[in-house]
Amino acid sequence: MKSELTSLFDLTGKRAAIVGGTGVLGGRFAHTLAAAGARVIVLGRSRERGESVVQSIEQAGGTASFEVLDASNRDSVVRAREKIARGGGLDVLINAPGANSTTPFEDIKDEEWQRLLDVNLGSVFRVCQEFLPLLQARPEGASIINVSSASSGPPLSRVFGYGVAKAGVNNLTQYLARELAGHGIRVNAIVPGFFPAEQNRAILTPERLEAIISHTPMARLGEPQELDGVLLWLSSHRASGFVTGALVPVDGGFSAMTI
């Protein structure tokens, strides 16, 4: 019985690509999928950071490689897709790009507004569209997992542009679930609460941190490894083969809290 349950989350022989795999959460995702047996492709703009993640995975006994990808540039996305395609299709695609800003609504300029929308939302659209042939190449089905945020709604202070873009990620996830189900591709989103990461470092002042924790029933921030379970569940067709269009909160109860 134990081995049967363990096999639900066995990704041996699967190929997984992580956009934003050089970040705190993306890097954790890469390690987790590799530990489950997947051949991981880390995608990001920094070769130095990407190769560091790959080296760490290989030292732990996993299999990984790195490809340069600027998800805000379609030509870069196409080049990465062509390189990945030489090794076959993809079973799992994770979109974990992220850029934040504390600029309030009344002060946001067009350039910053467009950057926030493009990095957080446009990148997900662009990668899903260009990587579609790689996902369609898996006759047994494939999984897209987008990374959203608790700031996607209800609205939070100090993350206006980021929150709007992540709300778009939620909606895009559900639209893609509808559009791609006929291709055997499931599309879901993980909606993390507050986890220490680069894009939220600027807003986690002591006062802000106190407010967040007071609004979180579990009264603490999340730890990156606490996303492992939902990641493996959504990655495995055996474990979540009838799950698509889901927005899964992992937030210590933050989204369930009112007053």
Protein backbone atom coordinates (compact mmCIF):
# COMPACT_ATOMS: atom_id res chain seq x y z
CA MET A 1 0.00 0.00 0.00
CA LYS A 2 2.82 2.37 0.92
CA SER A 3 4.65 1.86 -2.40
CA GLU A 4 1.39 2.39 -4.30
CA LEU A 5 0.83 5.74 -2.61
CA THR A 6 4.45 6.75 -3.12
CA SER A 7 4.18 6.00 -6.83
CA LEU A 8 1.40 8.59 -7.14
CA PHE A 9 4.06 11.27 -6.88
CA ASP A 10 6.88 9.51 -8.72
CA LEU A 11 7.98 11.68 -11.66
CA THR A 12 10.73 9.39 -12.92
CA GLY A 13 11.17 9.83 -16.67
CA LYS A 14 9.17 13.08 -16.76
CA ARG A 15 10.56 16.38 -18.05
CA ALA A 16 9.77 19.57 -16.17
CA ALA A 17 10.67 23.18 -16.99
CA ILE A 18 10.58 25.94 -14.39
CA VAL A 19 10.36 29.55 -15.58
CA GLY A 20 11.84 31.65 -12.79
CA GLY A 21 13.77 28.62 -11.59
CA THR A 22 16.59 30.85 -10.31
CA GLY A 23 14.36 32.50 -7.69
CA VAL A 24 13.72 31.38 -4.10
CA LEU A 25 10.47 29.53 -4.77
CA GLY A 26 11.34 28.53 -8.34
CA GLY A 27 14.64 27.09 -7.17
CA ARG A 28 12.83 25.08 -4.50
CA PHE A 29 10.41 23.78 -7.13
CA ALA A 30 13.34 22.65 -9.26
CA HIS A 31 14.88 20.73 -6.35
CA THR A 32 11.56 19.13 -5.40
CA LEU A 33 10.74 17.90 -8.90
CA ALA A 34 14.26 16.57 -9.36
CA ALA A 35 14.01 14.72 -6.05
CA ALA A 36 10.79 13.12 -7.34
CA GLY A 37 12.71 11.80 -10.36
CA ALA A 38 11.97 14.45 -13.01
CA ARG A 39 14.58 15.72 -15.44
CA VAL A 40 14.48 19.41 -14.63
CA ILE A 41 15.16 22.36 -16.93
CA VAL A 42 15.84 25.56 -14.99
CA LEU A 43 14.91 28.67 -16.97
CA GLY A 44 15.93 32.21 -16.07
CA ARG A 45 17.89 35.28 -17.10
CA SER A 46 20.96 34.72 -14.94
CA ARG A 47 23.23 31.93 -16.16
CA GLU A 48 25.32 32.16 -13.01
CA ARG A 49 22.34 31.66 -10.72
CA GLY A 50 20.79 29.04 -12.98
CA GLU A 51 23.93 26.94 -13.13
CA SER A 52 24.24 27.22 -9.35
CA VAL A 53 20.75 25.69 -8.99
CA VAL A 54 21.68 22.93 -11.45
CA GLN A 55 24.89 22.15 -9.61
CA SER A 56 23.02 21.93 -6.30
CA ILE A 57 20.46 19.54 -7.81
CA GLU A 58 23.15 17.34 -9.33
CA GLN A 59 25.05 17.20 -6.03
CA ALA A 60 21.84 15.89 -4.45
CA GLY A 61 21.63 13.15 -7.09
CA GLY A 62 19.10 14.75 -9.42
CA THR A 63 19.18 15.54 -13.13
CA ALA A 64 19.00 19.15 -14.29
CA SER A 65 20.10 21.59 -16.96
CA PHE A 66 19.85 25.34 -17.49
CA GLU A 67 18.67 27.43 -20.42
CA VAL A 68 18.67 31.21 -20.62
CA LEU A 69 15.15 32.60 -20.84
CA ASP A 70 13.89 36.17 -20.62
CA ALA A 71 10.15 35.49 -20.50
CA SER A 72 9.37 39.13 -21.34
CA ASN A 73 11.03 38.66 -24.75
CA ARG A 74 9.28 36.38 -27.25
CA ASP A 75 12.44 35.72 -29.27
CA SER A 76 14.15 34.50 -26.09
CA VAL A 77 11.17 32.25 -25.31
CA VAL A 78 11.27 30.79 -28.83
CA ARG A 79 15.02 30.10 -28.59
CA ALA A 80 14.57 28.33 -25.26
CA ARG A 81 11.68 26.27 -26.65
CA GLU A 82 13.76 25.16 -29.63
CA LYS A 83 16.62 24.04 -27.38
CA ILE A 84 14.26 22.16 -25.05
CA ALA A 85 12.53 20.50 -28.01
CA ARG A 86 15.77 18.72 -28.95
CA GLY A 87 15.28 16.54 -25.89
CA GLY A 88 11.58 15.88 -26.51
CA GLY A 89 8.39 17.26 -25.04
CA LEU A 90 7.49 18.54 -21.59
CA ASP A 91 5.33 16.86 -18.96
CA VAL A 92 5.30 19.79 -16.55
CA LEU A 93 5.64 23.54 -17.12
CA ILE A 94 5.86 25.82 -14.11
CA ASN A 95 5.52 29.57 -14.51
CA ALA A 96 7.03 31.36 -11.51
CA PRO A 97 8.19 34.78 -12.76
CA GLY A 98 7.84 37.69 -10.40
CA ALA A 99 8.48 41.43 -10.09
CA ASN A 100 6.99 43.65 -7.41
CA SER A 101 6.73 47.38 -6.74
CA THR A 102 5.54 49.41 -3.77
CA THR A 103 4.62 52.42 -5.92
CA PRO A 104 1.06 53.55 -5.03
CA PHE A 105 -1.64 53.75 -7.70
CA GLU A 106 -1.52 57.53 -8.10
CA ASP A 107 2.24 57.52 -8.74
CA ILE A 108 2.67 54.56 -11.11
CA LYS A 109 3.99 55.65 -14.51
CA ASP A 110 3.13 53.85 -17.73
CA GLU A 111 6.56 52.26 -18.02
CA GLU A 112 6.42 50.68 -14.56
CA TRP A 113 2.79 49.62 -15.03
CA GLN A 114 3.60 47.86 -18.28
CA ARG A 115 6.66 46.19 -16.73
CA LEU A 116 4.63 44.77 -13.84
CA LEU A 117 1.93 43.46 -16.16
CA ASP A 118 4.43 42.02 -18.61
CA VAL A 119 6.73 40.27 -16.13
CA ASN A 120 3.95 38.82 -13.97
CA LEU A 121 1.20 38.17 -16.52
CA GLY A 122 2.49 38.66 -20.07
CA SER A 123 5.37 36.27 -19.44
CA VAL A 124 3.00 33.49 -18.42
CA PHE A 125 0.86 33.99 -21.53
CA ARG A 126 3.90 34.13 -23.79
CA VAL A 127 5.57 31.01 -22.40
CA CYS A 128 2.34 28.96 -22.41
CA GLN A 129 1.66 29.92 -26.01
CA GLU A 130 5.15 29.19 -27.31
CA PHE A 131 5.67 26.01 -25.24
CA LEU A 132 2.30 24.53 -26.23
CA PRO A 133 3.81 22.18 -28.88
CA LEU A 134 6.15 20.72 -26.24
CA LEU A 135 3.21 19.96 -23.95
CA GLN A 136 1.07 18.57 -26.74
CA ALA A 137 3.87 16.11 -27.53
CA ARG A 138 2.99 14.13 -24.38
CA PRO A 139 0.10 11.78 -25.34
CA GLU A 140 -0.45 10.80 -21.69
CA GLY A 141 -1.12 14.44 -20.79
CA ALA A 142 0.81 17.38 -19.40
CA SER A 143 0.48 19.89 -16.57
CA ILE A 144 0.93 23.66 -16.46
CA ILE A 145 1.29 25.14 -12.99
CA ASN A 146 1.20 28.92 -12.67
CA VAL A 147 2.33 30.67 -9.50
CA SER A 148 -0.09 33.35 -8.36
CA SER A 149 -0.17 35.25 -5.05
CA ALA A 150 -2.41 36.03 -2.10
CA SER A 151 -2.29 39.63 -3.36
CA SER A 152 -4.39 38.58 -6.36
CA GLY A 153 -7.48 39.30 -4.28
CA PRO A 154 -8.91 40.64 -2.10
CA PRO A 155 -6.65 43.67 -2.66
CA LEU A 156 -3.71 44.36 -0.38
CA SER A 157 -1.86 47.60 0.25
CA ARG A 158 1.55 48.40 -1.33
CA VAL A 159 1.33 45.83 -4.15
CA PHE A 160 -1.10 47.50 -6.55
CA GLY A 161 0.45 46.61 -9.92
CA TYR A 162 1.70 43.22 -8.78
CA GLY A 163 -1.69 42.28 -7.33
CA VAL A 164 -3.57 43.30 -10.47
CA ALA A 165 -1.18 41.23 -12.61
CA LYS A 166 -1.51 38.18 -10.35
CA ALA A 167 -5.30 38.47 -10.50
CA GLY A 168 -4.80 38.24 -14.25
CA VAL A 169 -2.73 35.07 -13.73
CA ASN A 170 -5.69 33.52 -11.90
CA ASN A 171 -8.04 34.37 -14.74
CA LEU A 172 -5.55 33.28 -17.41
CA THR A 173 -5.13 29.96 -15.59
CA GLN A 174 -8.85 29.25 -15.75
CA TYR A 175 -9.15 30.35 -19.38
CA LEU A 176 -6.22 28.13 -20.36
CA ALA A 177 -7.76 25.22 -18.45
CA ARG A 178 -10.81 25.60 -20.65
CA GLU A 179 -8.86 26.06 -23.87
CA LEU A 180 -6.29 23.30 -23.38
CA ALA A 181 -8.33 20.49 -21.81
CA GLY A 182 -8.98 19.10 -25.27
CA HIS A 183 -5.21 18.82 -25.76
CA GLY A 184 -4.84 16.73 -22.60
CA ILE A 185 -3.19 19.61 -20.76
CA ARG A 186 -4.25 20.50 -17.24
CA VAL A 187 -3.72 24.10 -16.06
CA ASN A 188 -3.80 25.06 -12.40
CA ALA A 189 -2.34 27.74 -10.13
CA ILE A 190 -0.70 27.66 -6.75
CA VAL A 191 -1.68 30.75 -4.74
CA PRO A 192 0.99 31.20 -2.05
CA GLY A 193 0.49 33.41 0.95
CA PHE A 194 3.53 35.16 2.38
CA PHE A 195 6.82 33.37 1.86
CA PRO A 196 10.19 35.15 2.15
CA ALA A 197 11.30 35.88 -1.43
CA GLU A 198 13.16 38.55 -3.35
CA GLN A 199 10.10 40.28 -4.81
CA ASN A 200 8.45 40.87 -1.42
CA ARG A 201 11.57 41.77 0.56
CA ALA A 202 10.90 45.50 0.13
CA ILE A 203 7.42 45.32 1.65
CA LEU A 204 8.19 43.04 4.60
CA THR A 205 8.99 45.83 7.06
CA PRO A 206 8.55 44.95 10.76
CA GLU A 207 5.20 46.77 10.81
CA ARG A 208 4.03 45.06 7.65
CA LEU A 209 5.17 41.68 8.89
CA GLU A 210 3.22 42.14 12.12
CA ALA A 211 0.08 43.03 10.15
CA ILE A 212 0.46 39.99 7.88
CA ILE A 213 0.99 37.58 10.75
CA SER A 214 -1.94 39.02 12.69
CA HIS A 215 -4.13 38.31 9.63
CA THR A 216 -2.81 34.75 9.20
CA PRO A 217 -4.55 32.17 11.42
CA MET A 218 -1.36 30.07 11.59
CA ALA A 219 0.46 33.24 12.80
CA ARG A 220 3.66 32.88 10.77
CA LEU A 221 5.16 33.11 7.29
CA GLY A 222 5.31 30.06 5.07
CA GLU A 223 8.43 28.01 4.41
CA PRO A 224 9.29 27.15 0.78
CA GLN A 225 9.17 23.39 1.47
CA GLU A 226 5.52 23.76 2.49
CA LEU A 227 4.70 24.15 -1.21
CA ASP A 228 6.21 20.76 -2.07
CA GLY A 229 3.03 18.76 -1.53
CA VAL A 230 0.74 20.80 -3.77
CA LEU A 231 3.49 21.07 -6.39
CA LEU A 232 3.92 17.29 -6.61
CA TRP A 233 0.16 16.73 -6.55
CA LEU A 234 -0.48 19.06 -9.48
CA SER A 235 2.56 17.76 -11.39
CA SER A 236 1.47 14.13 -11.24
CA HIS A 237 -1.20 13.02 -13.70
CA ARG A 238 -1.87 9.97 -11.56
CA ALA A 239 -2.49 12.09 -8.46
CA SER A 240 -4.45 14.99 -10.02
CA GLY A 241 -5.56 13.80 -13.45
CA PHE A 242 -9.07 15.28 -13.05
CA VAL A 243 -7.92 18.61 -11.60
CA THR A 244 -7.79 21.62 -13.91
CA GLY A 245 -8.71 25.27 -13.54
CA ALA A 246 -8.04 25.12 -9.79
CA LEU A 247 -6.56 28.00 -7.78
CA VAL A 248 -4.99 26.33 -4.75
CA PRO A 249 -4.18 28.59 -1.77
CA VAL A 250 -1.22 27.69 0.42
CA ASP A 251 -1.34 30.61 2.80
CA GLY A 252 -1.77 29.52 6.43
CA GLY A 253 -5.43 30.55 6.26
CA PHE A 254 -4.75 34.13 5.10
CA SER A 255 -7.49 34.02 2.45
CA ALA A 256 -10.00 32.63 4.97
CA MET A 257 -9.49 35.47 7.47
CA THR A 258 -11.76 38.51 7.78
CA ILE A 259 -11.86 40.22 11.18
